[in-house]
Structures are given as structure tokens and as C-alpha cells.
Amino acid sequence: MTRLVGIVAMYGLMFLGWTAIGIFMLIAPARFGNAIHQSFGLFPAVEPRDTGKKLLVRIAGLALLGFAARFLLGVLRLLS
């Protein structure tokens, strides 16, 4: 029983992490893009008027939320 709780907790944490990052990308795309730029240098710095970069981050956030929803549906299918 304790192994099952550990597995369910791990899947729950993964789902919550992906969902939280996706929502953060939708709500504050400039802040997220600048955090990725300052931490890893993978994304160019986002200026206040860079609508294209913000749109790209928001699309990636929607994709991440879609992945989290598909992951949840897959887990629910396994449990039923």
C-alpha cells in the first residue's frame, strides 16, 4: 500500500508541476522568458514590446497544459 501511495504522489507531483509551469507561462510570458534567459541562456531576453516572443511562450504554455491534460487522462485510464 505504501508503494502505491508513493507512485500516486509522484504522478500527482509531475502533473501539478507541468500544470503550474504552463499556467505561469500563460500569465507572465515575459517574466518566464527572462527567467529562462537569465538561468540557461536558451531564450533571448524578452522586452516589454516583444509580442512575438510572448506569443511563442504562451503557445508553449498551452502545449504544456495540453500535455498535462493528456497525461492525466492516461493515468485515469490506467486506474479505471
C-alpha atoms as a PDB file:
ATOM      1  CA  MET A   1       0.000   0.000   0.000  1.00  0.00           C
ATOM      2  CA  THR A   2       2.817   2.439   0.786  1.00  0.00           C
ATOM      3  CA  ARG A   3       4.376   1.802  -2.633  1.00  0.00           C
ATOM      4  CA  LEU A   4       1.091   2.672  -4.302  1.00  0.00           C
ATOM      5  CA  VAL A   5       0.855   5.923  -2.338  1.00  0.00           C
ATOM      6  CA  GLY A   6       4.405   6.792  -3.415  1.00  0.00           C
ATOM      7  CA  ILE A   7       3.631   6.142  -7.077  1.00  0.00           C
ATOM      8  CA  VAL A   8       0.396   8.155  -6.944  1.00  0.00           C
ATOM      9  CA  ALA A   9       2.217  11.004  -5.186  1.00  0.00           C
ATOM     10  CA  MET A  10       4.928  11.028  -7.851  1.00  0.00           C
ATOM     11  CA  TYR A  11       2.395  11.187 -10.688  1.00  0.00           C
ATOM     12  CA  GLY A  12       0.479  13.891  -8.817  1.00  0.00           C
ATOM     13  CA  LEU A  13       3.610  15.993  -8.361  1.00  0.00           C
ATOM     14  CA  MET A  14       4.504  15.632 -12.036  1.00  0.00           C
ATOM     15  CA  PHE A  15       1.011  16.716 -13.077  1.00  0.00           C
ATOM     16  CA  LEU A  16       0.983  19.675 -10.690  1.00  0.00           C
ATOM     17  CA  GLY A  17       4.444  20.778 -11.824  1.00  0.00           C
ATOM     18  CA  TRP A  18       3.562  20.728 -15.523  1.00  0.00           C
ATOM     19  CA  THR A  19       0.279  22.493 -14.849  1.00  0.00           C
ATOM     20  CA  ALA A  20       1.883  25.191 -12.685  1.00  0.00           C
ATOM     21  CA  ILE A  21       4.629  25.907 -15.233  1.00  0.00           C
ATOM     22  CA  GLY A  22       2.072  26.019 -18.065  1.00  0.00           C
ATOM     23  CA  ILE A  23      -0.143  28.476 -16.202  1.00  0.00           C
ATOM     24  CA  PHE A  24       2.886  30.617 -15.307  1.00  0.00           C
ATOM     25  CA  MET A  25       3.863  30.694 -18.984  1.00  0.00           C
ATOM     26  CA  LEU A  26       0.355  31.857 -19.919  1.00  0.00           C
ATOM     27  CA  ILE A  27       0.034  34.514 -17.222  1.00  0.00           C
ATOM     28  CA  ALA A  28       3.555  36.021 -17.286  1.00  0.00           C
ATOM     29  CA  PRO A  29       5.306  35.152 -20.561  1.00  0.00           C
ATOM     30  CA  ALA A  30       7.854  37.976 -20.331  1.00  0.00           C
ATOM     31  CA  ARG A  31       8.885  37.004 -16.827  1.00  0.00           C
ATOM     32  CA  PHE A  32       9.142  33.324 -17.767  1.00  0.00           C
ATOM     33  CA  GLY A  33      11.160  34.096 -20.909  1.00  0.00           C
ATOM     34  CA  ASN A  34      13.544  36.324 -18.971  1.00  0.00           C
ATOM     35  CA  ALA A  35      13.927  33.674 -16.253  1.00  0.00           C
ATOM     36  CA  ILE A  36      14.910  31.100 -18.886  1.00  0.00           C
ATOM     37  CA  HIS A  37      17.264  33.644 -20.462  1.00  0.00           C
ATOM     38  CA  GLN A  38      18.967  34.505 -17.174  1.00  0.00           C
ATOM     39  CA  SER A  39      19.157  30.918 -15.913  1.00  0.00           C
ATOM     40  CA  PHE A  40      20.187  28.987 -19.003  1.00  0.00           C
ATOM     41  CA  GLY A  41      20.647  31.421 -21.894  1.00  0.00           C
ATOM     42  CA  LEU A  42      18.329  29.303 -24.055  1.00  0.00           C
ATOM     43  CA  PHE A  43      15.856  32.039 -24.932  1.00  0.00           C
ATOM     44  CA  PRO A  44      16.569  35.653 -25.924  1.00  0.00           C
ATOM     45  CA  ALA A  45      15.642  38.353 -23.438  1.00  0.00           C
ATOM     46  CA  VAL A  46      12.015  39.463 -23.659  1.00  0.00           C
ATOM     47  CA  GLU A  47      11.465  43.204 -23.841  1.00  0.00           C
ATOM     48  CA  PRO A  48       8.056  44.749 -22.927  1.00  0.00           C
ATOM     49  CA  ARG A  49       7.083  45.240 -26.592  1.00  0.00           C
ATOM     50  CA  ASP A  50       8.218  41.817 -27.928  1.00  0.00           C
ATOM     51  CA  THR A  51       4.825  40.386 -28.811  1.00  0.00           C
ATOM     52  CA  GLY A  52       6.247  37.560 -30.920  1.00  0.00           C
ATOM     53  CA  LYS A  53       8.379  36.176 -28.100  1.00  0.00           C
ATOM     54  CA  LYS A  54       5.482  36.466 -25.658  1.00  0.00           C
ATOM     55  CA  LEU A  55       3.215  34.663 -28.108  1.00  0.00           C
ATOM     56  CA  LEU A  56       5.774  31.881 -28.504  1.00  0.00           C
ATOM     57  CA  VAL A  57       5.991  31.417 -24.727  1.00  0.00           C
ATOM     58  CA  ARG A  58       2.188  31.397 -24.423  1.00  0.00           C
ATOM     59  CA  ILE A  59       1.878  28.771 -27.171  1.00  0.00           C
ATOM     60  CA  ALA A  60       4.473  26.645 -25.378  1.00  0.00           C
ATOM     61  CA  GLY A  61       2.465  27.073 -22.153  1.00  0.00           C
ATOM     62  CA  LEU A  62      -0.716  25.900 -23.888  1.00  0.00           C
ATOM     63  CA  ALA A  63       1.167  22.911 -25.270  1.00  0.00           C
ATOM     64  CA  LEU A  64       2.431  22.077 -21.783  1.00  0.00           C
ATOM     65  CA  LEU A  65      -1.092  22.286 -20.368  1.00  0.00           C
ATOM     66  CA  GLY A  66      -2.309  20.035 -23.182  1.00  0.00           C
ATOM     67  CA  PHE A  67       0.431  17.543 -22.337  1.00  0.00           C
ATOM     68  CA  ALA A  68      -0.546  17.633 -18.665  1.00  0.00           C
ATOM     69  CA  ALA A  69      -4.202  17.005 -19.548  1.00  0.00           C
ATOM     70  CA  ARG A  70      -3.257  14.086 -21.811  1.00  0.00           C
ATOM     71  CA  PHE A  71      -1.036  12.700 -19.052  1.00  0.00           C
ATOM     72  CA  LEU A  72      -3.896  12.931 -16.552  1.00  0.00           C
ATOM     73  CA  LEU A  73      -6.297  11.179 -18.933  1.00  0.00           C
ATOM     74  CA  GLY A  74      -3.759   8.407 -19.473  1.00  0.00           C
ATOM     75  CA  VAL A  75      -3.328   7.887 -15.742  1.00  0.00           C
ATOM     76  CA  LEU A  76      -7.092   7.898 -15.198  1.00  0.00           C
ATOM     77  CA  ARG A  77      -7.484   5.339 -17.976  1.00  0.00           C
ATOM     78  CA  LEU A  78      -4.947   3.104 -16.239  1.00  0.00           C
ATOM     79  CA  LEU A  79      -6.756   3.351 -12.921  1.00  0.00           C
ATOM     80  CA  SER A  80     -10.197   2.506 -14.293  1.00  0.00           C
END
